[in-house]
Amino acid sequence: MEYIVQKIGMSRTINVPSIPVTLVKIVEAKVCEVDENGRAIVAYPNGKKFNKAIEGQQKKYNLPKEFNRFVTMRVANAEAGDIDTAPLSEAKIVKSSFTTKGRGFSGVVKRHNFAGGPSSHGSRFHRRVGSIGMCEWPGRVQPGQKMPGHYGVDKVTVKNEIVDFDAEKGIIALKGSIPGANGSLGKIRIVK
C-alpha cells in the first residue's frame, strides 16, 4: 500500500534513550477508480494548477476543484472513495521516497566530499578538482568522472521503521531522517 505524505519535520521521542523521528502527515486523497491488480488512480490537492485536462478528470470522477493532481499507485481500497489508512496501524517498516533539496551548481568538495588542498599561505589549490584524466592514453576524460555540477533534486528512497501512528490526525513518526525539505510531498510504501 502506498500513501502520499507531507514532511512536517524532525523531532524526538520523550522516552529514555530518546529516538530521533521524522514526522509526516498523510495528505487527504480520493481514490477515483481501482483496477483488478489493486492499482488505482488517486487524486490529491497540491497548489493551484488547473487546466482543461484536470477539469475533465474532476468532472469524470465527480471531484471538488481542490483535487487537482492525479497519480497511479497501489491502495488498500476495493472501490472509489477516501483512501484507506487502516493498514498503517499494523505496519512496521515503510520505504519513503522524496525529492532531495536542490543545491544548485556545486563544486567537488560539497558534491563529492573531495578533501581539497592545503589552505595555508602560498597554496593555489584550495577547493579545486585536481587531475581529471590520464596523459596520452586514453587521451580523454573517462565517463562518470566526479566533477562540479548540478547537485540535489534527485528522487531518493530510504527504509524507515514506524515508531508511532496517530490515525485521528494522520501523522506518522518514522525512525531516523528522510530526504527533502520540510513541507515537501513524497510517497511512503508499506514493506512489512
N, C-alpha and C. Protein backbone atom coordinates (compact mmCIF):
# COMPACT_ATOMS: atom_id res chain seq x y z
N MET A 1 0.83 -1.18 0.00
CA MET A 1 0.00 0.00 0.00
C MET A 1 0.88 1.25 0.00
N GLU A 2 0.47 2.24 -0.77
CA GLU A 2 1.22 3.48 -0.89
C GLU A 2 0.35 4.65 -0.44
N TYR A 3 1.02 5.68 0.09
CA TYR A 3 0.33 6.88 0.56
C TYR A 3 1.13 8.11 0.18
N ILE A 4 0.43 9.20 -0.15
CA ILE A 4 1.08 10.48 -0.39
C ILE A 4 1.16 11.19 0.95
N VAL A 5 2.36 11.64 1.31
CA VAL A 5 2.58 12.27 2.62
C VAL A 5 3.32 13.59 2.45
N GLN A 6 3.19 14.42 3.47
CA GLN A 6 3.91 15.70 3.52
C GLN A 6 4.84 15.68 4.72
N LYS A 7 6.10 16.03 4.49
CA LYS A 7 7.08 16.04 5.58
C LYS A 7 6.83 17.25 6.48
N ILE A 8 6.66 17.00 7.78
CA ILE A 8 6.47 18.08 8.76
C ILE A 8 7.83 18.57 9.26
N GLY A 9 8.68 17.63 9.68
CA GLY A 9 10.00 17.97 10.19
C GLY A 9 10.48 16.90 11.16
N MET A 10 11.62 17.15 11.78
CA MET A 10 12.20 16.17 12.70
C MET A 10 11.90 16.53 14.14
N SER A 11 11.88 15.49 14.98
CA SER A 11 11.64 15.64 16.41
C SER A 11 12.32 14.46 17.11
N ARG A 12 11.94 14.21 18.34
CA ARG A 12 12.45 13.04 19.05
C ARG A 12 11.43 12.58 20.06
N THR A 13 11.53 11.32 20.45
CA THR A 13 10.60 10.77 21.45
C THR A 13 11.04 11.22 22.83
N ILE A 14 10.11 11.15 23.82
CA ILE A 14 10.43 11.64 25.16
C ILE A 14 10.92 10.53 26.09
N ASN A 15 10.95 9.28 25.61
CA ASN A 15 11.44 8.20 26.47
C ASN A 15 12.97 8.22 26.54
N VAL A 16 13.54 7.43 27.45
CA VAL A 16 14.99 7.40 27.63
C VAL A 16 15.49 6.02 27.21
N PRO A 17 16.43 5.89 26.28
CA PRO A 17 17.00 6.95 25.47
C PRO A 17 16.02 7.39 24.38
N SER A 18 16.06 8.67 24.01
CA SER A 18 15.13 9.20 23.01
C SER A 18 15.53 8.72 21.61
N ILE A 19 14.53 8.63 20.73
CA ILE A 19 14.74 8.18 19.36
C ILE A 19 14.49 9.37 18.42
N PRO A 20 15.43 9.68 17.52
CA PRO A 20 15.16 10.75 16.55
C PRO A 20 14.12 10.27 15.54
N VAL A 21 13.08 11.08 15.32
CA VAL A 21 12.00 10.71 14.41
C VAL A 21 11.72 11.84 13.43
N THR A 22 11.18 11.47 12.27
CA THR A 22 10.69 12.44 11.30
C THR A 22 9.18 12.30 11.26
N LEU A 23 8.47 13.42 11.38
CA LEU A 23 7.02 13.41 11.36
C LEU A 23 6.52 13.69 9.94
N VAL A 24 5.62 12.83 9.46
CA VAL A 24 4.99 13.03 8.16
C VAL A 24 3.48 12.96 8.32
N LYS A 25 2.77 13.77 7.53
CA LYS A 25 1.31 13.82 7.59
C LYS A 25 0.75 13.24 6.31
N ILE A 26 -0.25 12.37 6.43
CA ILE A 26 -0.89 11.78 5.26
C ILE A 26 -1.75 12.84 4.59
N VAL A 27 -1.52 13.05 3.29
CA VAL A 27 -2.28 14.03 2.52
C VAL A 27 -3.65 13.44 2.22
N GLU A 28 -4.69 14.27 2.40
CA GLU A 28 -6.05 13.83 2.09
C GLU A 28 -6.14 13.50 0.61
N ALA A 29 -6.53 12.26 0.30
CA ALA A 29 -6.59 11.82 -1.10
C ALA A 29 -7.86 11.03 -1.35
N LYS A 30 -8.30 11.05 -2.61
CA LYS A 30 -9.50 10.32 -3.00
C LYS A 30 -9.13 9.30 -4.06
N VAL A 31 -9.59 8.06 -3.88
CA VAL A 31 -9.40 7.01 -4.87
C VAL A 31 -10.48 7.18 -5.93
N CYS A 32 -10.07 7.36 -7.19
CA CYS A 32 -11.02 7.60 -8.28
C CYS A 32 -11.54 6.29 -8.87
N GLU A 33 -10.63 5.40 -9.22
CA GLU A 33 -11.03 4.08 -9.73
C GLU A 33 -9.94 3.07 -9.43
N VAL A 34 -10.33 1.80 -9.22
CA VAL A 34 -9.41 0.73 -8.86
C VAL A 34 -9.51 -0.36 -9.92
N ASP A 35 -8.34 -0.86 -10.40
CA ASP A 35 -8.37 -1.99 -11.33
C ASP A 35 -8.22 -3.30 -10.57
N GLU A 36 -8.23 -4.44 -11.30
CA GLU A 36 -8.22 -5.76 -10.65
C GLU A 36 -6.89 -6.10 -9.99
N ASN A 37 -5.80 -5.38 -10.33
CA ASN A 37 -4.49 -5.65 -9.73
C ASN A 37 -4.23 -4.87 -8.44
N GLY A 38 -5.20 -4.07 -8.00
CA GLY A 38 -5.02 -3.27 -6.79
C GLY A 38 -4.41 -1.91 -7.05
N ARG A 39 -4.12 -1.59 -8.33
CA ARG A 39 -3.61 -0.27 -8.67
C ARG A 39 -4.78 0.67 -8.87
N ALA A 40 -4.59 1.93 -8.47
CA ALA A 40 -5.71 2.87 -8.51
C ALA A 40 -5.25 4.24 -8.98
N ILE A 41 -6.19 5.00 -9.53
CA ILE A 41 -5.96 6.41 -9.84
C ILE A 41 -6.38 7.19 -8.60
N VAL A 42 -5.45 7.96 -8.05
CA VAL A 42 -5.70 8.70 -6.81
C VAL A 42 -5.54 10.19 -7.09
N ALA A 43 -6.50 10.98 -6.58
CA ALA A 43 -6.44 12.44 -6.72
C ALA A 43 -6.10 13.06 -5.37
N TYR A 44 -5.26 14.10 -5.40
CA TYR A 44 -4.90 14.80 -4.16
C TYR A 44 -4.70 16.28 -4.45
N PRO A 45 -4.87 17.13 -3.44
CA PRO A 45 -4.69 18.58 -3.67
C PRO A 45 -3.22 18.99 -3.56
N ASN A 46 -2.76 19.85 -4.51
CA ASN A 46 -1.40 20.38 -4.45
C ASN A 46 -1.31 21.62 -5.32
N GLY A 47 -1.23 22.78 -4.72
CA GLY A 47 -1.08 24.02 -5.45
C GLY A 47 -2.35 24.46 -6.15
N LYS A 48 -2.17 25.36 -7.15
CA LYS A 48 -3.32 25.93 -7.85
C LYS A 48 -3.36 25.54 -9.32
N LYS A 49 -2.58 24.53 -9.73
CA LYS A 49 -2.54 24.13 -11.13
C LYS A 49 -3.93 23.71 -11.60
N PHE A 50 -4.34 24.24 -12.76
CA PHE A 50 -5.66 23.91 -13.28
C PHE A 50 -5.66 24.11 -14.79
N ASN A 51 -6.13 23.12 -15.54
CA ASN A 51 -6.28 23.23 -16.99
C ASN A 51 -7.45 22.35 -17.43
N LYS A 52 -7.67 22.28 -18.74
CA LYS A 52 -8.83 21.55 -19.24
C LYS A 52 -8.74 20.04 -18.97
N ALA A 53 -7.53 19.48 -19.02
CA ALA A 53 -7.35 18.06 -18.74
C ALA A 53 -7.72 17.74 -17.30
N ILE A 54 -7.27 18.58 -16.36
CA ILE A 54 -7.61 18.39 -14.95
C ILE A 54 -9.10 18.57 -14.74
N GLU A 55 -9.68 19.57 -15.40
CA GLU A 55 -11.13 19.82 -15.27
C GLU A 55 -11.94 18.62 -15.77
N GLY A 56 -11.48 18.00 -16.86
CA GLY A 56 -12.15 16.81 -17.39
C GLY A 56 -12.09 15.64 -16.43
N GLN A 57 -10.92 15.43 -15.79
CA GLN A 57 -10.78 14.35 -14.81
C GLN A 57 -11.67 14.61 -13.59
N GLN A 58 -11.73 15.86 -13.14
CA GLN A 58 -12.57 16.19 -11.98
C GLN A 58 -14.05 15.96 -12.29
N LYS A 59 -14.47 16.30 -13.50
CA LYS A 59 -15.86 16.09 -13.90
C LYS A 59 -16.16 14.59 -14.00
N LYS A 60 -15.21 13.83 -14.55
CA LYS A 60 -15.39 12.38 -14.74
C LYS A 60 -15.55 11.66 -13.41
N TYR A 61 -14.73 12.03 -12.42
CA TYR A 61 -14.74 11.34 -11.12
C TYR A 61 -15.53 12.10 -10.05
N ASN A 62 -16.20 13.20 -10.44
CA ASN A 62 -17.05 13.99 -9.52
C ASN A 62 -16.24 14.47 -8.30
N LEU A 63 -15.14 15.17 -8.58
CA LEU A 63 -14.23 15.64 -7.53
C LEU A 63 -14.38 17.15 -7.33
N PRO A 64 -14.14 17.65 -6.10
CA PRO A 64 -14.11 19.10 -5.90
C PRO A 64 -12.90 19.73 -6.59
N LYS A 65 -12.91 21.05 -6.74
CA LYS A 65 -11.89 21.76 -7.51
C LYS A 65 -10.49 21.66 -6.91
N GLU A 66 -10.36 21.50 -5.59
CA GLU A 66 -9.02 21.50 -4.99
C GLU A 66 -8.23 20.21 -5.30
N PHE A 67 -8.89 19.11 -5.67
CA PHE A 67 -8.19 17.87 -6.01
C PHE A 67 -7.71 17.98 -7.47
N ASN A 68 -6.50 18.54 -7.64
CA ASN A 68 -6.03 18.88 -8.97
C ASN A 68 -4.82 18.08 -9.43
N ARG A 69 -4.37 17.10 -8.68
CA ARG A 69 -3.24 16.25 -9.08
C ARG A 69 -3.70 14.79 -9.08
N PHE A 70 -3.21 14.03 -10.06
CA PHE A 70 -3.60 12.63 -10.19
C PHE A 70 -2.36 11.76 -10.30
N VAL A 71 -2.40 10.61 -9.62
CA VAL A 71 -1.26 9.70 -9.62
C VAL A 71 -1.79 8.26 -9.57
N THR A 72 -1.03 7.32 -10.14
CA THR A 72 -1.40 5.90 -10.09
C THR A 72 -0.55 5.23 -9.03
N MET A 73 -1.19 4.54 -8.10
CA MET A 73 -0.45 3.83 -7.04
C MET A 73 -1.27 2.68 -6.49
N ARG A 74 -0.62 1.85 -5.67
CA ARG A 74 -1.27 0.68 -5.09
C ARG A 74 -1.95 1.08 -3.78
N VAL A 75 -3.25 0.75 -3.65
CA VAL A 75 -4.03 1.13 -2.47
C VAL A 75 -4.73 -0.08 -1.87
N ALA A 76 -5.23 0.10 -0.64
CA ALA A 76 -5.95 -0.97 0.06
C ALA A 76 -7.43 -0.96 -0.28
N ASN A 77 -7.91 0.13 -0.89
CA ASN A 77 -9.35 0.26 -1.20
C ASN A 77 -9.79 -0.76 -2.24
N ALA A 78 -11.05 -1.20 -2.11
CA ALA A 78 -11.65 -2.08 -3.12
C ALA A 78 -12.46 -1.26 -4.11
N GLU A 79 -13.00 -0.11 -3.67
CA GLU A 79 -13.76 0.76 -4.56
C GLU A 79 -13.39 2.21 -4.31
N ALA A 80 -13.95 3.10 -5.13
CA ALA A 80 -13.64 4.53 -5.06
C ALA A 80 -14.11 5.13 -3.74
N GLY A 81 -13.43 6.21 -3.33
CA GLY A 81 -13.77 6.91 -2.08
C GLY A 81 -12.51 7.43 -1.42
N ASP A 82 -12.60 7.76 -0.12
CA ASP A 82 -11.43 8.23 0.62
C ASP A 82 -10.42 7.09 0.75
N ILE A 83 -9.14 7.45 0.77
CA ILE A 83 -8.08 6.45 0.85
C ILE A 83 -8.11 5.77 2.22
N ASP A 84 -7.90 4.44 2.24
CA ASP A 84 -7.99 3.64 3.47
C ASP A 84 -6.63 3.64 4.17
N THR A 85 -6.60 4.18 5.42
CA THR A 85 -5.34 4.25 6.18
C THR A 85 -5.22 3.13 7.23
N ALA A 86 -6.15 2.19 7.24
CA ALA A 86 -6.14 1.11 8.24
C ALA A 86 -4.87 0.26 8.21
N PRO A 87 -4.29 -0.08 7.02
CA PRO A 87 -3.08 -0.91 7.02
C PRO A 87 -1.88 -0.28 7.73
N LEU A 88 -1.87 1.05 7.92
CA LEU A 88 -0.74 1.70 8.60
C LEU A 88 -0.68 1.37 10.08
N SER A 89 -1.82 1.01 10.69
CA SER A 89 -1.81 0.70 12.13
C SER A 89 -1.07 -0.60 12.43
N GLU A 90 -1.03 -1.55 11.46
CA GLU A 90 -0.28 -2.80 11.66
C GLU A 90 1.11 -2.76 11.04
N ALA A 91 1.40 -1.75 10.22
CA ALA A 91 2.69 -1.69 9.51
C ALA A 91 3.84 -1.43 10.48
N LYS A 92 5.01 -2.02 10.15
CA LYS A 92 6.21 -1.83 10.97
C LYS A 92 7.30 -1.07 10.22
N ILE A 93 7.48 -1.39 8.92
CA ILE A 93 8.54 -0.77 8.12
C ILE A 93 7.95 -0.22 6.83
N VAL A 94 8.39 1.00 6.47
CA VAL A 94 7.95 1.64 5.21
C VAL A 94 9.17 2.12 4.44
N LYS A 95 8.99 2.29 3.12
CA LYS A 95 10.01 2.92 2.29
C LYS A 95 9.49 4.29 1.92
N SER A 96 10.28 5.33 2.22
CA SER A 96 9.89 6.71 1.96
C SER A 96 10.63 7.23 0.74
N SER A 97 9.90 7.77 -0.24
CA SER A 97 10.50 8.33 -1.45
C SER A 97 10.22 9.83 -1.52
N PHE A 98 11.27 10.62 -1.48
CA PHE A 98 11.15 12.07 -1.52
C PHE A 98 12.19 12.63 -2.49
N THR A 99 12.01 13.90 -2.88
CA THR A 99 12.99 14.60 -3.70
C THR A 99 13.91 15.37 -2.77
N THR A 100 15.23 15.20 -2.97
CA THR A 100 16.20 15.86 -2.09
C THR A 100 16.21 17.36 -2.33
N LYS A 101 16.78 18.09 -1.38
CA LYS A 101 16.91 19.54 -1.51
C LYS A 101 17.85 19.87 -2.67
N GLY A 102 17.50 20.90 -3.44
CA GLY A 102 18.35 21.33 -4.54
C GLY A 102 19.46 22.23 -4.02
N ARG A 103 20.69 21.97 -4.46
CA ARG A 103 21.82 22.77 -4.01
C ARG A 103 22.51 23.51 -5.16
N GLY A 104 21.85 23.51 -6.33
CA GLY A 104 22.37 24.27 -7.46
C GLY A 104 23.67 23.70 -8.02
N PHE A 105 24.47 24.57 -8.62
CA PHE A 105 25.76 24.17 -9.19
C PHE A 105 26.77 24.15 -8.05
N SER A 106 27.28 22.96 -7.72
CA SER A 106 28.18 22.81 -6.57
C SER A 106 29.54 22.29 -7.02
N GLY A 107 30.54 22.63 -6.24
CA GLY A 107 31.89 22.16 -6.50
C GLY A 107 32.09 20.75 -5.99
N VAL A 108 33.30 20.21 -6.20
CA VAL A 108 33.56 18.81 -5.85
C VAL A 108 33.67 18.59 -4.35
N VAL A 109 34.06 19.60 -3.58
CA VAL A 109 34.18 19.43 -2.13
C VAL A 109 32.80 19.19 -1.53
N LYS A 110 31.81 19.98 -1.97
CA LYS A 110 30.45 19.82 -1.46
C LYS A 110 29.74 18.64 -2.11
N ARG A 111 29.93 18.47 -3.41
CA ARG A 111 29.16 17.47 -4.16
C ARG A 111 29.68 16.05 -3.97
N HIS A 112 31.01 15.87 -3.93
CA HIS A 112 31.59 14.52 -3.87
C HIS A 112 32.50 14.30 -2.66
N ASN A 113 32.50 15.23 -1.71
CA ASN A 113 33.31 15.11 -0.49
C ASN A 113 34.81 15.01 -0.76
N PHE A 114 35.31 15.72 -1.79
CA PHE A 114 36.74 15.77 -2.03
C PHE A 114 37.39 16.52 -0.87
N ALA A 115 38.65 16.20 -0.59
CA ALA A 115 39.36 16.80 0.54
C ALA A 115 39.82 18.21 0.26
N GLY A 116 40.14 18.53 -0.99
CA GLY A 116 40.70 19.85 -1.29
C GLY A 116 42.18 19.88 -0.94
N GLY A 117 42.79 21.03 -1.16
CA GLY A 117 44.23 21.15 -0.91
C GLY A 117 44.52 21.92 0.36
N PRO A 118 45.79 22.21 0.62
CA PRO A 118 46.15 22.96 1.82
C PRO A 118 45.61 24.39 1.76
N SER A 119 45.13 24.88 2.89
CA SER A 119 44.54 26.22 2.92
C SER A 119 45.55 27.29 3.36
N SER A 120 46.79 26.88 3.53
CA SER A 120 47.80 27.81 4.05
C SER A 120 48.28 28.78 2.97
N HIS A 121 49.07 29.76 3.39
CA HIS A 121 49.60 30.81 2.53
C HIS A 121 50.49 30.21 1.45
N GLY A 122 50.31 30.68 0.24
CA GLY A 122 51.15 30.23 -0.86
C GLY A 122 50.53 29.14 -1.71
N SER A 123 49.52 28.44 -1.20
CA SER A 123 48.89 27.37 -1.97
C SER A 123 47.91 27.95 -2.98
N ARG A 124 47.89 27.35 -4.16
CA ARG A 124 46.91 27.77 -5.17
C ARG A 124 45.87 26.67 -5.38
N PHE A 125 45.88 25.67 -4.54
CA PHE A 125 44.97 24.51 -4.70
C PHE A 125 44.15 24.37 -3.42
N HIS A 126 42.99 25.03 -3.37
CA HIS A 126 42.17 25.00 -2.16
C HIS A 126 40.98 24.06 -2.30
N ARG A 127 40.01 24.43 -3.14
CA ARG A 127 38.80 23.61 -3.30
C ARG A 127 38.63 23.15 -4.74
N ARG A 128 39.72 23.07 -5.47
CA ARG A 128 39.64 22.73 -6.89
C ARG A 128 39.59 21.22 -7.12
N VAL A 129 39.33 20.82 -8.37
CA VAL A 129 39.14 19.42 -8.72
C VAL A 129 40.44 18.64 -8.70
N GLY A 130 41.47 19.20 -9.28
CA GLY A 130 42.72 18.45 -9.42
C GLY A 130 42.74 17.73 -10.76
N SER A 131 43.57 16.71 -10.88
CA SER A 131 43.73 15.97 -12.12
C SER A 131 42.45 15.23 -12.47
N ILE A 132 42.06 15.27 -13.77
CA ILE A 132 40.81 14.59 -14.15
C ILE A 132 41.03 13.47 -15.14
N GLY A 133 42.24 13.19 -15.55
CA GLY A 133 42.43 12.10 -16.51
C GLY A 133 43.89 11.74 -16.68
N MET A 134 44.14 10.81 -17.63
CA MET A 134 45.48 10.33 -17.92
C MET A 134 46.07 11.15 -19.08
N CYS A 135 47.33 10.86 -19.42
CA CYS A 135 48.03 11.63 -20.45
C CYS A 135 47.69 11.15 -21.86
N GLU A 136 48.61 10.42 -22.48
CA GLU A 136 48.44 10.06 -23.89
C GLU A 136 47.36 9.00 -24.08
N TRP A 137 47.30 8.05 -23.18
CA TRP A 137 46.27 7.01 -23.30
C TRP A 137 45.38 7.05 -22.07
N PRO A 138 44.06 7.10 -22.12
CA PRO A 138 43.25 7.06 -23.34
C PRO A 138 43.10 8.43 -24.01
N GLY A 139 43.71 9.48 -23.48
CA GLY A 139 43.69 10.78 -24.14
C GLY A 139 42.33 11.46 -24.06
N ARG A 140 41.54 11.10 -23.08
CA ARG A 140 40.22 11.71 -22.90
C ARG A 140 39.81 11.52 -21.44
N VAL A 141 38.78 12.23 -21.03
CA VAL A 141 38.25 12.09 -19.67
C VAL A 141 37.26 10.93 -19.66
N GLN A 142 37.42 10.02 -18.73
CA GLN A 142 36.55 8.84 -18.65
C GLN A 142 35.13 9.23 -18.24
N PRO A 143 34.11 8.53 -18.76
CA PRO A 143 32.73 8.81 -18.36
C PRO A 143 32.53 8.54 -16.86
N GLY A 144 31.71 9.37 -16.24
CA GLY A 144 31.44 9.18 -14.80
C GLY A 144 32.44 9.86 -13.89
N GLN A 145 33.35 10.64 -14.47
CA GLN A 145 34.35 11.34 -13.65
C GLN A 145 33.65 12.32 -12.70
N LYS A 146 34.05 12.31 -11.45
CA LYS A 146 33.43 13.19 -10.45
C LYS A 146 33.93 14.61 -10.66
N MET A 147 33.00 15.49 -11.01
CA MET A 147 33.34 16.87 -11.32
C MET A 147 32.27 17.81 -10.76
N PRO A 148 32.51 19.13 -10.77
CA PRO A 148 31.48 20.05 -10.32
C PRO A 148 30.24 19.95 -11.21
N GLY A 149 29.08 20.28 -10.67
CA GLY A 149 27.85 20.25 -11.47
C GLY A 149 26.63 20.40 -10.60
N HIS A 150 25.47 20.13 -11.21
CA HIS A 150 24.20 20.26 -10.50
C HIS A 150 24.09 19.20 -9.42
N TYR A 151 23.71 19.63 -8.22
CA TYR A 151 23.67 18.74 -7.06
C TYR A 151 22.31 18.85 -6.39
N GLY A 152 21.69 17.73 -6.10
CA GLY A 152 20.39 17.71 -5.45
C GLY A 152 19.26 17.51 -6.45
N VAL A 153 18.02 17.65 -5.97
CA VAL A 153 16.79 17.45 -6.74
C VAL A 153 16.80 16.06 -7.38
N ASP A 154 17.13 15.04 -6.58
CA ASP A 154 17.10 13.65 -7.00
C ASP A 154 16.06 12.92 -6.18
N LYS A 155 15.41 11.91 -6.78
CA LYS A 155 14.46 11.09 -6.02
C LYS A 155 15.25 10.06 -5.23
N VAL A 156 15.08 10.08 -3.90
CA VAL A 156 15.82 9.17 -3.02
C VAL A 156 14.82 8.39 -2.18
N THR A 157 15.05 7.08 -2.06
CA THR A 157 14.18 6.21 -1.27
C THR A 157 14.98 5.65 -0.10
N VAL A 158 14.43 5.78 1.11
CA VAL A 158 15.07 5.24 2.31
C VAL A 158 14.07 4.36 3.06
N LYS A 159 14.61 3.40 3.82
CA LYS A 159 13.76 2.50 4.59
C LYS A 159 13.68 3.01 6.03
N ASN A 160 12.46 3.13 6.57
CA ASN A 160 12.26 3.63 7.92
C ASN A 160 11.34 2.72 8.71
N GLU A 161 11.56 2.71 10.01
CA GLU A 161 10.70 1.96 10.93
C GLU A 161 9.64 2.91 11.47
N ILE A 162 8.39 2.42 11.57
CA ILE A 162 7.32 3.26 12.13
C ILE A 162 7.39 3.19 13.65
N VAL A 163 7.57 4.36 14.28
CA VAL A 163 7.63 4.44 15.74
C VAL A 163 6.22 4.61 16.30
N ASP A 164 5.41 5.47 15.64
CA ASP A 164 4.05 5.74 16.12
C ASP A 164 3.19 6.20 14.96
N PHE A 165 1.88 5.91 15.05
CA PHE A 165 0.93 6.35 14.03
C PHE A 165 -0.33 6.87 14.72
N ASP A 166 -0.63 8.15 14.50
CA ASP A 166 -1.84 8.77 15.04
C ASP A 166 -2.88 8.76 13.92
N ALA A 167 -3.83 7.82 14.00
CA ALA A 167 -4.82 7.65 12.93
C ALA A 167 -5.79 8.83 12.86
N GLU A 168 -6.07 9.45 14.02
CA GLU A 168 -7.02 10.57 14.07
C GLU A 168 -6.49 11.79 13.32
N LYS A 169 -5.21 12.13 13.55
CA LYS A 169 -4.61 13.30 12.91
C LYS A 169 -3.91 12.94 11.61
N GLY A 170 -3.67 11.65 11.38
CA GLY A 170 -2.99 11.21 10.16
C GLY A 170 -1.51 11.50 10.16
N ILE A 171 -0.87 11.45 11.34
CA ILE A 171 0.56 11.76 11.46
C ILE A 171 1.32 10.47 11.80
N ILE A 172 2.41 10.25 11.07
CA ILE A 172 3.26 9.07 11.28
C ILE A 172 4.62 9.55 11.76
N ALA A 173 5.16 8.89 12.80
CA ALA A 173 6.51 9.17 13.28
C ALA A 173 7.42 8.06 12.75
N LEU A 174 8.36 8.43 11.87
CA LEU A 174 9.29 7.48 11.27
C LEU A 174 10.65 7.61 11.94
N LYS A 175 11.27 6.47 12.27
CA LYS A 175 12.57 6.49 12.94
C LYS A 175 13.64 6.99 11.97
N GLY A 176 14.45 7.94 12.42
CA GLY A 176 15.54 8.48 11.61
C GLY A 176 15.08 9.61 10.72
N SER A 177 15.91 9.93 9.74
CA SER A 177 15.63 11.06 8.85
C SER A 177 15.19 10.58 7.48
N ILE A 178 14.52 11.47 6.76
CA ILE A 178 14.15 11.21 5.38
C ILE A 178 14.60 12.41 4.55
N PRO A 179 14.87 12.22 3.24
CA PRO A 179 15.36 13.34 2.43
C PRO A 179 14.27 14.37 2.18
N GLY A 180 14.66 15.53 1.68
CA GLY A 180 13.71 16.56 1.28
C GLY A 180 13.54 17.66 2.31
N ALA A 181 12.97 18.76 1.84
CA ALA A 181 12.73 19.91 2.71
C ALA A 181 11.45 19.73 3.49
N ASN A 182 11.31 20.44 4.61
CA ASN A 182 10.07 20.42 5.37
C ASN A 182 8.95 20.99 4.51
N GLY A 183 7.80 20.33 4.52
CA GLY A 183 6.66 20.77 3.71
C GLY A 183 6.61 20.14 2.33
N SER A 184 7.64 19.37 1.95
CA SER A 184 7.65 18.75 0.63
C SER A 184 6.80 17.48 0.62
N LEU A 185 6.25 17.17 -0.55
CA LEU A 185 5.41 15.98 -0.71
C LEU A 185 6.24 14.81 -1.19
N GLY A 186 5.85 13.61 -0.74
CA GLY A 186 6.51 12.38 -1.17
C GLY A 186 5.58 11.22 -1.02
N LYS A 187 6.12 10.00 -1.18
CA LYS A 187 5.32 8.79 -1.05
C LYS A 187 5.93 7.89 0.00
N ILE A 188 5.08 7.16 0.72
CA ILE A 188 5.58 6.07 1.56
C ILE A 188 4.89 4.79 1.10
N ARG A 189 5.64 3.69 1.17
CA ARG A 189 5.12 2.39 0.75
C ARG A 189 5.35 1.38 1.87
N ILE A 190 4.32 0.66 2.26
CA ILE A 190 4.44 -0.33 3.34
C ILE A 190 5.23 -1.51 2.84
N VAL A 191 6.33 -1.86 3.56
CA VAL A 191 7.16 -3.01 3.22
C VAL A 191 6.73 -4.22 4.03
N LYS A 192 6.58 -4.02 5.37
CA LYS A 192 6.03 -5.12 6.21
C LYS A 192 5.47 -4.56 7.49
